[in-house]
Amino acid sequence: MMLIPCPWCGPRNQIEFSYGGDATLKRPAAKAPEATWCDYVYLRDNPCGPHDELWFHGAGCRSWFKVRRDTRTHDILASARIDEPLAGDSR
């Protein structure tokens, strides 16, 4: 079992959440070339190590938030609301 720390509800079982994808992707401009949109929609990295992700707490507060998870070990390194930086971010 993986405990995911919701910024509002605290640590909860992973079955309460839905994975929302890569939190580092930047949406292209509306008038970007079709090839840019194809890359954005279909091409994804498969990182090994710490990775920023979006999660949705569907069985709880129904909020989206960010999680930094190590993809090798599934350890949760940080979590934060969408409008807040993850711990250790200088962005």
N, C-alpha and C. Protein backbone atom coordinates (compact mmCIF):
# COMPACT_ATOMS: atom_id res chain seq x y z
N MET A 1 0.84 -1.18 0.00
CA MET A 1 0.00 0.00 0.00
C MET A 1 0.89 1.24 0.00
N MET A 2 0.48 2.21 -0.79
CA MET A 2 1.19 3.47 -0.85
C MET A 2 0.31 4.55 -0.20
N LEU A 3 0.87 5.28 0.76
CA LEU A 3 0.16 6.40 1.37
C LEU A 3 0.53 7.67 0.63
N ILE A 4 -0.48 8.38 0.16
CA ILE A 4 -0.26 9.63 -0.56
C ILE A 4 -0.70 10.77 0.34
N PRO A 5 0.20 11.74 0.61
CA PRO A 5 -0.13 12.84 1.52
C PRO A 5 -0.90 13.96 0.81
N CYS A 6 -2.21 13.96 0.95
CA CYS A 6 -3.04 15.03 0.40
C CYS A 6 -2.76 16.31 1.20
N PRO A 7 -2.52 17.44 0.55
CA PRO A 7 -2.25 18.68 1.28
C PRO A 7 -3.41 19.12 2.18
N TRP A 8 -4.62 18.69 1.89
CA TRP A 8 -5.79 19.09 2.69
C TRP A 8 -6.20 18.01 3.70
N CYS A 9 -6.14 16.73 3.30
CA CYS A 9 -6.68 15.64 4.13
C CYS A 9 -5.62 14.85 4.87
N GLY A 10 -4.35 15.03 4.53
CA GLY A 10 -3.29 14.26 5.15
C GLY A 10 -3.07 12.94 4.42
N PRO A 11 -2.23 12.06 4.96
CA PRO A 11 -1.92 10.79 4.30
C PRO A 11 -3.15 9.89 4.16
N ARG A 12 -3.35 9.38 2.94
CA ARG A 12 -4.47 8.50 2.66
C ARG A 12 -4.00 7.37 1.75
N ASN A 13 -4.74 6.27 1.75
CA ASN A 13 -4.44 5.11 0.92
C ASN A 13 -4.52 5.49 -0.56
N GLN A 14 -3.65 4.92 -1.35
CA GLN A 14 -3.59 5.24 -2.78
C GLN A 14 -4.90 4.97 -3.52
N ILE A 15 -5.75 4.08 -3.02
CA ILE A 15 -6.99 3.77 -3.74
C ILE A 15 -7.96 4.94 -3.76
N GLU A 16 -7.72 5.96 -2.93
CA GLU A 16 -8.57 7.15 -2.91
C GLU A 16 -8.21 8.13 -4.02
N PHE A 17 -7.11 7.88 -4.74
CA PHE A 17 -6.57 8.86 -5.69
C PHE A 17 -6.57 8.34 -7.12
N SER A 18 -6.52 9.28 -8.04
CA SER A 18 -6.32 8.97 -9.47
C SER A 18 -5.09 9.73 -9.94
N TYR A 19 -4.25 9.03 -10.70
CA TYR A 19 -3.05 9.65 -11.28
C TYR A 19 -3.48 10.58 -12.40
N GLY A 20 -2.92 11.78 -12.42
CA GLY A 20 -3.31 12.77 -13.42
C GLY A 20 -2.26 13.07 -14.46
N GLY A 21 -1.08 12.49 -14.33
CA GLY A 21 -0.06 12.70 -15.35
C GLY A 21 1.14 13.50 -14.85
N ASP A 22 1.97 13.83 -15.81
CA ASP A 22 3.23 14.53 -15.59
C ASP A 22 2.95 16.00 -15.24
N ALA A 23 3.43 16.45 -14.10
CA ALA A 23 3.21 17.84 -13.67
C ALA A 23 4.21 18.81 -14.28
N THR A 24 5.18 18.31 -15.04
CA THR A 24 6.19 19.19 -15.61
C THR A 24 5.90 19.59 -17.05
N LEU A 25 4.90 18.99 -17.66
CA LEU A 25 4.59 19.31 -19.05
C LEU A 25 4.01 20.72 -19.17
N LYS A 26 4.42 21.41 -20.21
CA LYS A 26 3.90 22.75 -20.50
C LYS A 26 3.07 22.67 -21.78
N ARG A 27 1.82 23.11 -21.68
CA ARG A 27 0.90 23.07 -22.82
C ARG A 27 1.39 24.03 -23.90
N PRO A 28 1.41 23.57 -25.17
CA PRO A 28 1.82 24.46 -26.26
C PRO A 28 0.80 25.58 -26.48
N ALA A 29 1.24 26.61 -27.16
CA ALA A 29 0.34 27.71 -27.53
C ALA A 29 -0.75 27.17 -28.46
N ALA A 30 -1.90 27.79 -28.45
CA ALA A 30 -3.03 27.33 -29.26
C ALA A 30 -2.68 27.26 -30.75
N LYS A 31 -1.83 28.16 -31.19
CA LYS A 31 -1.48 28.20 -32.62
C LYS A 31 -0.16 27.48 -32.92
N ALA A 32 0.28 26.64 -32.01
CA ALA A 32 1.52 25.88 -32.23
C ALA A 32 1.32 24.91 -33.38
N PRO A 33 2.38 24.54 -34.08
CA PRO A 33 2.26 23.58 -35.19
C PRO A 33 1.70 22.24 -34.72
N GLU A 34 1.08 21.53 -35.64
CA GLU A 34 0.47 20.24 -35.33
C GLU A 34 1.48 19.25 -34.75
N ALA A 35 2.70 19.27 -35.27
CA ALA A 35 3.74 18.36 -34.77
C ALA A 35 4.04 18.62 -33.28
N THR A 36 4.00 19.88 -32.87
CA THR A 36 4.22 20.22 -31.47
C THR A 36 3.10 19.66 -30.61
N TRP A 37 1.86 19.76 -31.08
CA TRP A 37 0.72 19.22 -30.35
C TRP A 37 0.78 17.69 -30.29
N CYS A 38 1.18 17.05 -31.37
CA CYS A 38 1.32 15.58 -31.37
C CYS A 38 2.35 15.14 -30.33
N ASP A 39 3.48 15.84 -30.28
CA ASP A 39 4.50 15.53 -29.27
C ASP A 39 3.94 15.71 -27.86
N TYR A 40 3.21 16.80 -27.63
CA TYR A 40 2.65 17.08 -26.31
C TYR A 40 1.65 16.01 -25.87
N VAL A 41 0.82 15.56 -26.79
CA VAL A 41 -0.24 14.61 -26.46
C VAL A 41 0.29 13.18 -26.34
N TYR A 42 1.20 12.78 -27.25
CA TYR A 42 1.55 11.36 -27.34
C TYR A 42 2.93 10.97 -26.83
N LEU A 43 3.88 11.88 -26.80
CA LEU A 43 5.24 11.51 -26.40
C LEU A 43 5.48 11.85 -24.93
N ARG A 44 5.87 10.84 -24.18
CA ARG A 44 6.12 11.03 -22.75
C ARG A 44 7.46 10.40 -22.38
N ASP A 45 8.15 11.07 -21.45
CA ASP A 45 9.37 10.48 -20.88
C ASP A 45 8.95 9.43 -19.87
N ASN A 46 9.85 8.50 -19.60
CA ASN A 46 9.63 7.50 -18.57
C ASN A 46 10.78 7.63 -17.57
N PRO A 47 10.70 8.64 -16.69
CA PRO A 47 11.84 8.94 -15.82
C PRO A 47 12.09 7.87 -14.77
N CYS A 48 13.34 7.75 -14.40
CA CYS A 48 13.73 6.84 -13.33
C CYS A 48 14.29 7.71 -12.21
N GLY A 49 13.56 7.77 -11.10
CA GLY A 49 13.96 8.61 -9.99
C GLY A 49 12.87 9.60 -9.66
N PRO A 50 13.20 10.69 -8.96
CA PRO A 50 12.20 11.67 -8.55
C PRO A 50 11.49 12.29 -9.76
N HIS A 51 10.17 12.37 -9.66
CA HIS A 51 9.37 12.88 -10.77
C HIS A 51 8.15 13.61 -10.20
N ASP A 52 7.81 14.76 -10.78
CA ASP A 52 6.65 15.54 -10.34
C ASP A 52 5.41 15.10 -11.09
N GLU A 53 4.35 14.80 -10.34
CA GLU A 53 3.13 14.24 -10.91
C GLU A 53 1.91 15.01 -10.39
N LEU A 54 0.81 14.91 -11.13
CA LEU A 54 -0.47 15.44 -10.69
C LEU A 54 -1.33 14.29 -10.19
N TRP A 55 -2.01 14.50 -9.07
CA TRP A 55 -2.91 13.50 -8.50
C TRP A 55 -4.23 14.16 -8.13
N PHE A 56 -5.31 13.38 -8.19
CA PHE A 56 -6.65 13.85 -7.86
C PHE A 56 -7.19 13.02 -6.70
N HIS A 57 -7.64 13.68 -5.64
CA HIS A 57 -8.17 12.97 -4.48
C HIS A 57 -9.69 12.79 -4.66
N GLY A 58 -10.06 11.84 -5.47
CA GLY A 58 -11.45 11.61 -5.83
C GLY A 58 -12.32 11.10 -4.71
N ALA A 59 -11.77 10.33 -3.78
CA ALA A 59 -12.56 9.76 -2.69
C ALA A 59 -12.43 10.59 -1.41
N GLY A 60 -11.92 11.80 -1.55
CA GLY A 60 -11.74 12.67 -0.39
C GLY A 60 -12.20 14.08 -0.71
N CYS A 61 -11.28 15.00 -0.72
CA CYS A 61 -11.60 16.42 -0.90
C CYS A 61 -11.86 16.81 -2.35
N ARG A 62 -11.65 15.89 -3.28
CA ARG A 62 -11.87 16.10 -4.71
C ARG A 62 -11.02 17.26 -5.26
N SER A 63 -9.79 17.33 -4.81
CA SER A 63 -8.86 18.38 -5.24
C SER A 63 -7.68 17.79 -5.98
N TRP A 64 -7.14 18.58 -6.91
CA TRP A 64 -5.91 18.24 -7.61
C TRP A 64 -4.74 18.79 -6.81
N PHE A 65 -3.62 18.07 -6.84
CA PHE A 65 -2.40 18.54 -6.19
C PHE A 65 -1.19 17.89 -6.84
N LYS A 66 0.00 18.38 -6.46
CA LYS A 66 1.26 17.87 -7.02
C LYS A 66 1.93 16.94 -6.02
N VAL A 67 2.60 15.94 -6.56
CA VAL A 67 3.37 14.99 -5.74
C VAL A 67 4.72 14.78 -6.41
N ARG A 68 5.77 14.76 -5.62
CA ARG A 68 7.08 14.34 -6.12
C ARG A 68 7.28 12.92 -5.62
N ARG A 69 7.34 11.97 -6.59
CA ARG A 69 7.44 10.55 -6.25
C ARG A 69 8.66 9.96 -6.93
N ASP A 70 9.39 9.13 -6.20
CA ASP A 70 10.53 8.41 -6.78
C ASP A 70 9.97 7.20 -7.53
N THR A 71 10.13 7.18 -8.85
CA THR A 71 9.54 6.12 -9.66
C THR A 71 10.23 4.77 -9.46
N ARG A 72 11.42 4.76 -8.88
CA ARG A 72 12.10 3.49 -8.61
C ARG A 72 11.54 2.81 -7.37
N THR A 73 11.24 3.60 -6.34
CA THR A 73 10.85 3.04 -5.04
C THR A 73 9.40 3.34 -4.65
N HIS A 74 8.75 4.24 -5.36
CA HIS A 74 7.41 4.75 -5.06
C HIS A 74 7.36 5.57 -3.78
N ASP A 75 8.51 5.96 -3.25
CA ASP A 75 8.54 6.84 -2.08
C ASP A 75 8.00 8.21 -2.47
N ILE A 76 7.14 8.76 -1.64
CA ILE A 76 6.62 10.11 -1.85
C ILE A 76 7.59 11.07 -1.15
N LEU A 77 8.17 11.98 -1.93
CA LEU A 77 9.18 12.89 -1.41
C LEU A 77 8.59 14.22 -0.98
N ALA A 78 7.48 14.64 -1.61
CA ALA A 78 6.84 15.91 -1.28
C ALA A 78 5.45 15.94 -1.91
N SER A 79 4.60 16.78 -1.35
CA SER A 79 3.31 17.07 -1.98
C SER A 79 2.96 18.52 -1.70
N ALA A 80 2.17 19.11 -2.58
CA ALA A 80 1.80 20.51 -2.43
C ALA A 80 0.54 20.80 -3.25
N ARG A 81 -0.15 21.85 -2.85
CA ARG A 81 -1.29 22.30 -3.65
C ARG A 81 -0.79 22.73 -5.03
N ILE A 82 -1.68 22.80 -5.97
CA ILE A 82 -1.32 23.17 -7.34
C ILE A 82 -0.64 24.53 -7.40
N ASP A 83 -1.09 25.47 -6.57
CA ASP A 83 -0.56 26.83 -6.62
C ASP A 83 0.68 27.04 -5.74
N GLU A 84 1.20 25.97 -5.16
CA GLU A 84 2.39 26.05 -4.31
C GLU A 84 3.53 25.24 -4.91
N PRO A 85 4.78 25.65 -4.66
CA PRO A 85 5.91 24.86 -5.13
C PRO A 85 6.08 23.61 -4.25
N LEU A 86 6.61 22.57 -4.85
CA LEU A 86 6.96 21.38 -4.06
C LEU A 86 8.21 21.68 -3.24
N ALA A 87 8.37 21.01 -2.12
CA ALA A 87 9.54 21.23 -1.26
C ALA A 87 10.82 21.05 -2.07
N GLY A 88 11.71 21.99 -1.94
CA GLY A 88 12.99 21.93 -2.64
C GLY A 88 12.96 22.58 -4.00
N ASP A 89 11.79 23.06 -4.46
CA ASP A 89 11.71 23.76 -5.75
C ASP A 89 12.24 25.17 -5.61
N SER A 90 12.96 25.60 -6.62
CA SER A 90 13.42 26.99 -6.66
C SER A 90 12.68 27.75 -7.76
N ARG A 91 11.64 27.12 -8.31
CA ARG A 91 10.86 27.75 -9.40
C ARG A 91 9.88 28.75 -8.87
